[in-house]
Amino acid sequence: MQKLLVDENLSPSLVGLATDKGFVCSHINHLGLTGLKDWELKATILEGDWTFITNNGTDFRGPAKNLGSHGVYAGISLHAGLICVVAPG
């Protein structure tokens, strides 16, 4: 079962939408991780085998012109995934 973890910069209501579609889903706030820096979330994301959903993907994947060159996931050969969204506002 794919597990989704929603970043604090996205609405907690996404958890309900994902759960209704059959995903295991949580939000950074629900795990007591509010306010942590992206690099501080890395261990939780990897150890929990979470696919992380965020609107600041550059912090995790590096710049679009050189994906994987920088960011929290640089140097990690395999992980559950990253979903980058463009959130209004």
PDB file of N, CA and C in Angstrom:
ATOM      1  N   MET A   1       0.841  -1.176   0.000  1.00  0.00           N
ATOM      2  CA  MET A   1       0.000   0.000   0.000  1.00  0.00           C
ATOM      3  C   MET A   1       0.885   1.237   0.000  1.00  0.00           C
ATOM      4  N   GLN A   2       0.641   2.123  -0.927  1.00  0.00           N
ATOM      5  CA  GLN A   2       1.411   3.358  -0.993  1.00  0.00           C
ATOM      6  C   GLN A   2       0.994   4.300   0.125  1.00  0.00           C
ATOM      7  N   LYS A   3       1.982   4.851   0.801  1.00  0.00           N
ATOM      8  CA  LYS A   3       1.755   5.775   1.907  1.00  0.00           C
ATOM      9  C   LYS A   3       2.127   7.185   1.465  1.00  0.00           C
ATOM     10  N   LEU A   4       1.210   8.114   1.679  1.00  0.00           N
ATOM     11  CA  LEU A   4       1.421   9.498   1.287  1.00  0.00           C
ATOM     12  C   LEU A   4       1.572  10.369   2.522  1.00  0.00           C
ATOM     13  N   LEU A   5       2.529  11.271   2.488  1.00  0.00           N
ATOM     14  CA  LEU A   5       2.738  12.218   3.579  1.00  0.00           C
ATOM     15  C   LEU A   5       2.694  13.619   2.994  1.00  0.00           C
ATOM     16  N   VAL A   6       1.767  14.436   3.509  1.00  0.00           N
ATOM     17  CA  VAL A   6       1.535  15.783   3.002  1.00  0.00           C
ATOM     18  C   VAL A   6       2.359  16.784   3.812  1.00  0.00           C
ATOM     19  N   ASP A   7       3.085  17.640   3.110  1.00  0.00           N
ATOM     20  CA  ASP A   7       3.911  18.670   3.745  1.00  0.00           C
ATOM     21  C   ASP A   7       3.027  19.712   4.429  1.00  0.00           C
ATOM     22  N   GLU A   8       3.593  20.396   5.402  1.00  0.00           N
ATOM     23  CA  GLU A   8       2.822  21.372   6.168  1.00  0.00           C
ATOM     24  C   GLU A   8       2.393  22.574   5.347  1.00  0.00           C
ATOM     25  N   ASN A   9       3.028  22.808   4.200  1.00  0.00           N
ATOM     26  CA  ASN A   9       2.642  23.946   3.371  1.00  0.00           C
ATOM     27  C   ASN A   9       1.448  23.637   2.467  1.00  0.00           C
ATOM     28  N   LEU A  10       0.885  22.448   2.602  1.00  0.00           N
ATOM     29  CA  LEU A  10      -0.329  22.056   1.880  1.00  0.00           C
ATOM     30  C   LEU A  10      -1.433  21.742   2.885  1.00  0.00           C
ATOM     31  N   SER A  11      -2.653  21.841   2.454  1.00  0.00           N
ATOM     32  CA  SER A  11      -3.805  21.689   3.333  1.00  0.00           C
ATOM     33  C   SER A  11      -3.942  20.278   3.919  1.00  0.00           C
ATOM     34  N   PRO A  12      -4.229  20.203   5.210  1.00  0.00           N
ATOM     35  CA  PRO A  12      -4.511  18.906   5.834  1.00  0.00           C
ATOM     36  C   PRO A  12      -5.732  18.206   5.234  1.00  0.00           C
ATOM     37  N   SER A  13      -6.589  18.959   4.534  1.00  0.00           N
ATOM     38  CA  SER A  13      -7.765  18.338   3.910  1.00  0.00           C
ATOM     39  C   SER A  13      -7.374  17.338   2.827  1.00  0.00           C
ATOM     40  N   LEU A  14      -6.152  17.423   2.310  1.00  0.00           N
ATOM     41  CA  LEU A  14      -5.677  16.461   1.318  1.00  0.00           C
ATOM     42  C   LEU A  14      -5.615  15.047   1.885  1.00  0.00           C
ATOM     43  N   VAL A  15      -5.419  14.938   3.197  1.00  0.00           N
ATOM     44  CA  VAL A  15      -5.369  13.624   3.844  1.00  0.00           C
ATOM     45  C   VAL A  15      -6.697  12.896   3.641  1.00  0.00           C
ATOM     46  N   GLY A  16      -7.796  13.590   3.877  1.00  0.00           N
ATOM     47  CA  GLY A  16      -9.114  12.985   3.695  1.00  0.00           C
ATOM     48  C   GLY A  16      -9.368  12.575   2.259  1.00  0.00           C
ATOM     49  N   LEU A  17      -8.967  13.410   1.316  1.00  0.00           N
ATOM     50  CA  LEU A  17      -9.146  13.082  -0.100  1.00  0.00           C
ATOM     51  C   LEU A  17      -8.372  11.822  -0.476  1.00  0.00           C
ATOM     52  N   ALA A  18      -7.133  11.726  -0.004  1.00  0.00           N
ATOM     53  CA  ALA A  18      -6.307  10.554  -0.320  1.00  0.00           C
ATOM     54  C   ALA A  18      -6.841   9.300   0.364  1.00  0.00           C
ATOM     55  N   THR A  19      -7.252   9.442   1.604  1.00  0.00           N
ATOM     56  CA  THR A  19      -7.797   8.304   2.354  1.00  0.00           C
ATOM     57  C   THR A  19      -9.056   7.777   1.676  1.00  0.00           C
ATOM     58  N   ASP A  20      -9.900   8.685   1.209  1.00  0.00           N
ATOM     59  CA  ASP A  20     -11.122   8.280   0.502  1.00  0.00           C
ATOM     60  C   ASP A  20     -10.807   7.493  -0.775  1.00  0.00           C
ATOM     61  N   LYS A  21      -9.638   7.704  -1.346  1.00  0.00           N
ATOM     62  CA  LYS A  21      -9.222   6.995  -2.563  1.00  0.00           C
ATOM     63  C   LYS A  21      -8.449   5.716  -2.248  1.00  0.00           C
ATOM     64  N   GLY A  22      -8.328   5.381  -0.955  1.00  0.00           N
ATOM     65  CA  GLY A  22      -7.707   4.127  -0.571  1.00  0.00           C
ATOM     66  C   GLY A  22      -6.242   4.198  -0.180  1.00  0.00           C
ATOM     67  N   PHE A  23      -5.681   5.394  -0.121  1.00  0.00           N
ATOM     68  CA  PHE A  23      -4.286   5.547   0.279  1.00  0.00           C
ATOM     69  C   PHE A  23      -4.171   5.638   1.796  1.00  0.00           C
ATOM     70  N   VAL A  24      -3.055   5.198   2.320  1.00  0.00           N
ATOM     71  CA  VAL A  24      -2.679   5.508   3.691  1.00  0.00           C
ATOM     72  C   VAL A  24      -2.055   6.888   3.607  1.00  0.00           C
ATOM     73  N   CYS A  25      -2.541   7.838   4.394  1.00  0.00           N
ATOM     74  CA  CYS A  25      -2.086   9.208   4.256  1.00  0.00           C
ATOM     75  C   CYS A  25      -2.040   9.901   5.607  1.00  0.00           C
ATOM     76  N   SER A  26      -1.056  10.767   5.769  1.00  0.00           N
ATOM     77  CA  SER A  26      -0.958  11.596   6.969  1.00  0.00           C
ATOM     78  C   SER A  26      -0.425  12.956   6.562  1.00  0.00           C
ATOM     79  N   HIS A  27      -0.412  13.862   7.500  1.00  0.00           N
ATOM     80  CA  HIS A  27       0.058  15.225   7.293  1.00  0.00           C
ATOM     81  C   HIS A  27       1.163  15.499   8.302  1.00  0.00           C
ATOM     82  N   ILE A  28       2.146  16.272   7.910  1.00  0.00           N
ATOM     83  CA  ILE A  28       3.248  16.635   8.800  1.00  0.00           C
ATOM     84  C   ILE A  28       2.720  17.101  10.159  1.00  0.00           C
ATOM     85  N   ASN A  29       1.672  17.920  10.151  1.00  0.00           N
ATOM     86  CA  ASN A  29       1.102  18.427  11.409  1.00  0.00           C
ATOM     87  C   ASN A  29       0.569  17.298  12.286  1.00  0.00           C
ATOM     88  N   HIS A  30      -0.021  16.275  11.666  1.00  0.00           N
ATOM     89  CA  HIS A  30      -0.599  15.160  12.430  1.00  0.00           C
ATOM     90  C   HIS A  30       0.476  14.296  13.073  1.00  0.00           C
ATOM     91  N   LEU A  31       1.687  14.349  12.542  1.00  0.00           N
ATOM     92  CA  LEU A  31       2.791  13.564  13.093  1.00  0.00           C
ATOM     93  C   LEU A  31       3.625  14.355  14.099  1.00  0.00           C
ATOM     94  N   GLY A  32       3.193  15.584  14.382  1.00  0.00           N
ATOM     95  CA  GLY A  32       3.915  16.417  15.342  1.00  0.00           C
ATOM     96  C   GLY A  32       5.220  16.970  14.803  1.00  0.00           C
ATOM     97  N   LEU A  33       5.311  17.117  13.488  1.00  0.00           N
ATOM     98  CA  LEU A  33       6.557  17.556  12.859  1.00  0.00           C
ATOM     99  C   LEU A  33       6.471  18.979  12.312  1.00  0.00           C
ATOM    100  N   THR A  34       5.453  19.713  12.711  1.00  0.00           N
ATOM    101  CA  THR A  34       5.260  21.075  12.237  1.00  0.00           C
ATOM    102  C   THR A  34       6.485  21.928  12.549  1.00  0.00           C
ATOM    103  N   GLY A  35       6.914  22.703  11.579  1.00  0.00           N
ATOM    104  CA  GLY A  35       8.010  23.638  11.783  1.00  0.00           C
ATOM    105  C   GLY A  35       9.392  23.082  11.502  1.00  0.00           C
ATOM    106  N   LEU A  36       9.496  21.776  11.257  1.00  0.00           N
ATOM    107  CA  LEU A  36      10.813  21.209  10.949  1.00  0.00           C
ATOM    108  C   LEU A  36      11.254  21.639   9.549  1.00  0.00           C
ATOM    109  N   LYS A  37      12.534  21.792   9.379  1.00  0.00           N
ATOM    110  CA  LYS A  37      13.106  22.101   8.076  1.00  0.00           C
ATOM    111  C   LYS A  37      13.009  20.859   7.193  1.00  0.00           C
ATOM    112  N   ASP A  38      13.025  21.074   5.881  1.00  0.00           N
ATOM    113  CA  ASP A  38      12.900  19.953   4.946  1.00  0.00           C
ATOM    114  C   ASP A  38      13.941  18.872   5.211  1.00  0.00           C
ATOM    115  N   TRP A  39      15.184  19.255   5.428  1.00  0.00           N
ATOM    116  CA  TRP A  39      16.235  18.256   5.656  1.00  0.00           C
ATOM    117  C   TRP A  39      16.001  17.484   6.953  1.00  0.00           C
ATOM    118  N   GLU A  40      15.270  18.088   7.904  1.00  0.00           N
ATOM    119  CA  GLU A  40      14.967  17.400   9.158  1.00  0.00           C
ATOM    120  C   GLU A  40      13.864  16.351   8.988  1.00  0.00           C
ATOM    121  N   LEU A  41      13.103  16.453   7.911  1.00  0.00           N
ATOM    122  CA  LEU A  41      12.027  15.495   7.628  1.00  0.00           C
ATOM    123  C   LEU A  41      12.532  14.253   6.902  1.00  0.00           C
ATOM    124  N   LYS A  42      13.717  14.340   6.345  1.00  0.00           N
ATOM    125  CA  LYS A  42      14.262  13.271   5.502  1.00  0.00           C
ATOM    126  C   LYS A  42      14.202  11.902   6.175  1.00  0.00           C
ATOM    127  N   ALA A  43      14.668  11.787   7.408  1.00  0.00           N
ATOM    128  CA  ALA A  43      14.693  10.489   8.092  1.00  0.00           C
ATOM    129  C   ALA A  43      13.284   9.938   8.268  1.00  0.00           C
ATOM    130  N   THR A  44      12.343  10.779   8.665  1.00  0.00           N
ATOM    131  CA  THR A  44      10.960  10.327   8.849  1.00  0.00           C
ATOM    132  C   THR A  44      10.371   9.835   7.534  1.00  0.00           C
ATOM    133  N   ILE A  45      10.616  10.583   6.458  1.00  0.00           N
ATOM    134  CA  ILE A  45      10.095  10.210   5.143  1.00  0.00           C
ATOM    135  C   ILE A  45      10.668   8.870   4.695  1.00  0.00           C
ATOM    136  N   LEU A  46      11.969   8.721   4.804  1.00  0.00           N
ATOM    137  CA  LEU A  46      12.621   7.495   4.337  1.00  0.00           C
ATOM    138  C   LEU A  46      12.303   6.300   5.233  1.00  0.00           C
ATOM    139  N   GLU A  47      12.390   6.473   6.542  1.00  0.00           N
ATOM    140  CA  GLU A  47      12.137   5.365   7.465  1.00  0.00           C
ATOM    141  C   GLU A  47      10.678   4.918   7.418  1.00  0.00           C
ATOM    142  N   GLY A  48       9.768   5.856   7.165  1.00  0.00           N
ATOM    143  CA  GLY A  48       8.349   5.517   7.088  1.00  0.00           C
ATOM    144  C   GLY A  48       7.912   5.053   5.715  1.00  0.00           C
ATOM    145  N   ASP A  49       8.840   5.042   4.748  1.00  0.00           N
ATOM    146  CA  ASP A  49       8.539   4.653   3.376  1.00  0.00           C
ATOM    147  C   ASP A  49       7.392   5.489   2.804  1.00  0.00           C
ATOM    148  N   TRP A  50       7.426   6.804   3.112  1.00  0.00           N
ATOM    149  CA  TRP A  50       6.397   7.728   2.650  1.00  0.00           C
ATOM    150  C   TRP A  50       6.722   8.245   1.253  1.00  0.00           C
ATOM    151  N   THR A  51       5.698   8.448   0.443  1.00  0.00           N
ATOM    152  CA  THR A  51       5.799   9.273  -0.750  1.00  0.00           C
ATOM    153  C   THR A  51       5.428  10.671  -0.287  1.00  0.00           C
ATOM    154  N   PHE A  52       6.327  11.611  -0.441  1.00  0.00           N
ATOM    155  CA  PHE A  52       6.148  12.938   0.117  1.00  0.00           C
ATOM    156  C   PHE A  52       5.496  13.861  -0.898  1.00  0.00           C
ATOM    157  N   ILE A  53       4.488  14.610  -0.464  1.00  0.00           N
ATOM    158  CA  ILE A  53       3.773  15.561  -1.314  1.00  0.00           C
ATOM    159  C   ILE A  53       4.086  16.964  -0.813  1.00  0.00           C
ATOM    160  N   THR A  54       4.632  17.794  -1.690  1.00  0.00           N
ATOM    161  CA  THR A  54       5.034  19.145  -1.302  1.00  0.00           C
ATOM    162  C   THR A  54       4.863  20.106  -2.470  1.00  0.00           C
ATOM    163  N   ASN A  55       4.830  21.397  -2.170  1.00  0.00           N
ATOM    164  CA  ASN A  55       4.824  22.383  -3.247  1.00  0.00           C
ATOM    165  C   ASN A  55       6.163  23.110  -3.332  1.00  0.00           C
ATOM    166  N   ASN A  56       7.147  22.651  -2.579  1.00  0.00           N
ATOM    167  CA  ASN A  56       8.492  23.211  -2.703  1.00  0.00           C
ATOM    168  C   ASN A  56       9.466  22.093  -3.087  1.00  0.00           C
ATOM    169  N   GLY A  57       9.180  21.492  -4.213  1.00  0.00           N
ATOM    170  CA  GLY A  57       9.951  20.345  -4.671  1.00  0.00           C
ATOM    171  C   GLY A  57      11.428  20.610  -4.892  1.00  0.00           C
ATOM    172  N   THR A  58      11.788  21.842  -5.198  1.00  0.00           N
ATOM    173  CA  THR A  58      13.197  22.158  -5.424  1.00  0.00           C
ATOM    174  C   THR A  58      14.031  21.797  -4.208  1.00  0.00           C
ATOM    175  N   ASP A  59      13.460  21.965  -3.005  1.00  0.00           N
ATOM    176  CA  ASP A  59      14.195  21.624  -1.787  1.00  0.00           C
ATOM    177  C   ASP A  59      14.528  20.134  -1.725  1.00  0.00           C
ATOM    178  N   PHE A  60      13.718  19.292  -2.370  1.00  0.00           N
ATOM    179  CA  PHE A  60      13.914  17.849  -2.312  1.00  0.00           C
ATOM    180  C   PHE A  60      14.588  17.275  -3.555  1.00  0.00           C
ATOM    181  N   ARG A  61      14.310  17.826  -4.732  1.00  0.00           N
ATOM    182  CA  ARG A  61      14.809  17.243  -5.977  1.00  0.00           C
ATOM    183  C   ARG A  61      15.906  18.060  -6.630  1.00  0.00           C
ATOM    184  N   GLY A  62      16.134  19.278  -6.173  1.00  0.00           N
ATOM    185  CA  GLY A  62      17.086  20.173  -6.822  1.00  0.00           C
ATOM    186  C   GLY A  62      16.396  20.977  -7.904  1.00  0.00           C
ATOM    187  N   PRO A  63      17.140  21.841  -8.573  1.00  0.00           N
ATOM    188  CA  PRO A  63      16.539  22.697  -9.600  1.00  0.00           C
ATOM    189  C   PRO A  63      16.082  21.899 -10.815  1.00  0.00           C
ATOM    190  N   ALA A  64      15.031  22.361 -11.464  1.00  0.00           N
ATOM    191  CA  ALA A  64      14.445  21.657 -12.610  1.00  0.00           C
ATOM    192  C   ALA A  64      15.464  21.409 -13.715  1.00  0.00           C
ATOM    193  N   LYS A  65      16.403  22.304 -13.899  1.00  0.00           N
ATOM    194  CA  LYS A  65      17.386  22.131 -14.983  1.00  0.00           C
ATOM    195  C   LYS A  65      18.469  21.112 -14.643  1.00  0.00           C
ATOM    196  N   ASN A  66      18.520  20.664 -13.396  1.00  0.00           N
ATOM    197  CA  ASN A  66      19.539  19.700 -12.981  1.00  0.00           C
ATOM    198  C   ASN A  66      18.995  18.823 -11.848  1.00  0.00           C
ATOM    199  N   LEU A  67      17.913  18.113 -12.118  1.00  0.00           N
ATOM    200  CA  LEU A  67      17.244  17.289 -11.106  1.00  0.00           C
ATOM    201  C   LEU A  67      18.207  16.312 -10.455  1.00  0.00           C
ATOM    202  N   GLY A  68      18.093  16.189  -9.154  1.00  0.00           N
ATOM    203  CA  GLY A  68      18.908  15.245  -8.405  1.00  0.00           C
ATOM    204  C   GLY A  68      20.293  15.741  -8.061  1.00  0.00           C
ATOM    205  N   SER A  69      20.629  16.929  -8.515  1.00  0.00           N
ATOM    206  CA  SER A  69      21.960  17.463  -8.261  1.00  0.00           C
ATOM    207  C   SER A  69      22.098  18.050  -6.863  1.00  0.00           C
ATOM    208  N   HIS A  70      21.019  18.526  -6.330  1.00  0.00           N
ATOM    209  CA  HIS A  70      20.978  19.133  -5.012  1.00  0.00           C
ATOM    210  C   HIS A  70      19.683  18.692  -4.342  1.00  0.00           C
ATOM    211  N   GLY A  71      19.469  19.127  -3.144  1.00  0.00           N
ATOM    212  CA  GLY A  71      18.217  18.851  -2.463  1.00  0.00           C
ATOM    213  C   GLY A  71      18.340  17.701  -1.482  1.00  0.00           C
ATOM    214  N   VAL A  72      17.303  17.565  -0.692  1.00  0.00           N
ATOM    215  CA  VAL A  72      17.265  16.583   0.386  1.00  0.00           C
ATOM    216  C   VAL A  72      17.445  15.155  -0.141  1.00  0.00           C
ATOM    217  N   TYR A  73      16.909  14.839  -1.327  1.00  0.00           N
ATOM    218  CA  TYR A  73      16.987  13.483  -1.853  1.00  0.00           C
ATOM    219  C   TYR A  73      18.230  13.226  -2.701  1.00  0.00           C
ATOM    220  N   ALA A  74      19.084  14.223  -2.880  1.00  0.00           N
ATOM    221  CA  ALA A  74      20.316  14.018  -3.650  1.00  0.00           C
ATOM    222  C   ALA A  74      21.141  12.925  -2.970  1.00  0.00           C
ATOM    223  N   GLY A  75      21.624  12.011  -3.753  1.00  0.00           N
ATOM    224  CA  GLY A  75      22.457  10.941  -3.209  1.00  0.00           C
ATOM    225  C   GLY A  75      21.687   9.735  -2.711  1.00  0.00           C
ATOM    226  N   ILE A  76      20.364   9.778  -2.748  1.00  0.00           N
ATOM    227  CA  ILE A  76      19.556   8.633  -2.337  1.00  0.00           C
ATOM    228  C   ILE A  76      19.134   7.904  -3.612  1.00  0.00           C
ATOM    229  N   SER A  77      19.540   6.657  -3.735  1.00  0.00           N
ATOM    230  CA  SER A  77      19.288   5.935  -4.983  1.00  0.00           C
ATOM    231  C   SER A  77      17.848   5.429  -5.099  1.00  0.00           C
ATOM    232  N   LEU A  78      17.199   5.191  -3.978  1.00  0.00           N
ATOM    233  CA  LEU A  78      15.853   4.637  -4.022  1.00  0.00           C
ATOM    234  C   LEU A  78      15.051   5.135  -2.832  1.00  0.00           C
ATOM    235  N   HIS A  79      13.850   5.618  -3.102  1.00  0.00           N
ATOM    236  CA  HIS A  79      12.938   6.042  -2.043  1.00  0.00           C
ATOM    237  C   HIS A  79      11.518   5.901  -2.566  1.00  0.00           C
ATOM    238  N   ALA A  80      10.545   6.041  -1.682  1.00  0.00           N
ATOM    239  CA  ALA A  80       9.151   5.801  -2.056  1.00  0.00           C
ATOM    240  C   ALA A  80       8.618   6.822  -3.050  1.00  0.00           C
ATOM    241  N   GLY A  81       9.190   7.997  -3.086  1.00  0.00           N
ATOM    242  CA  GLY A  81       8.774   8.951  -4.103  1.00  0.00           C
ATOM    243  C   GLY A  81       8.557  10.352  -3.593  1.00  0.00           C
ATOM    244  N   LEU A  82       8.316  11.225  -4.546  1.00  0.00           N
ATOM    245  CA  LEU A  82       8.096  12.646  -4.301  1.00  0.00           C
ATOM    246  C   LEU A  82       7.062  13.122  -5.288  1.00  0.00           C
ATOM    247  N   ILE A  83       6.046  13.788  -4.785  1.00  0.00           N
ATOM    248  CA  ILE A  83       5.034  14.404  -5.636  1.00  0.00           C
ATOM    249  C   ILE A  83       5.128  15.897  -5.406  1.00  0.00           C
ATOM    250  N   CYS A  84       5.421  16.630  -6.476  1.00  0.00           N
ATOM    251  CA  CYS A  84       5.538  18.076  -6.392  1.00  0.00           C
ATOM    252  C   CYS A  84       4.314  18.692  -7.059  1.00  0.00           C
ATOM    253  N   VAL A  85       3.632  19.560  -6.339  1.00  0.00           N
ATOM    254  CA  VAL A  85       2.436  20.210  -6.860  1.00  0.00           C
ATOM    255  C   VAL A  85       2.649  21.709  -6.879  1.00  0.00           C
ATOM    256  N   VAL A  86       1.893  22.366  -7.727  1.00  0.00           N
ATOM    257  CA  VAL A  86       1.869  23.813  -7.737  1.00  0.00           C
ATOM    258  C   VAL A  86       0.588  24.219  -7.040  1.00  0.00           C
ATOM    259  N   ALA A  87       0.734  24.822  -5.870  1.00  0.00           N
ATOM    260  CA  ALA A  87      -0.437  25.233  -5.095  1.00  0.00           C
ATOM    261  C   ALA A  87      -0.746  26.704  -5.378  1.00  0.00           C
ATOM    262  N   PRO A  88      -2.024  27.028  -5.571  1.00  0.00           N
ATOM    263  CA  PRO A  88      -2.378  28.434  -5.800  1.00  0.00           C
ATOM    264  C   PRO A  88      -1.961  29.297  -4.613  1.00  0.00           C
ATOM    265  N   GLY A  89      -1.556  30.515  -4.935  1.00  0.00           N
ATOM    266  CA  GLY A  89      -1.205  31.454  -3.866  1.00  0.00           C
ATOM    267  C   GLY A  89       0.184  31.255  -3.419  1.00  0.00           C
TER     268      GLY A  89
END
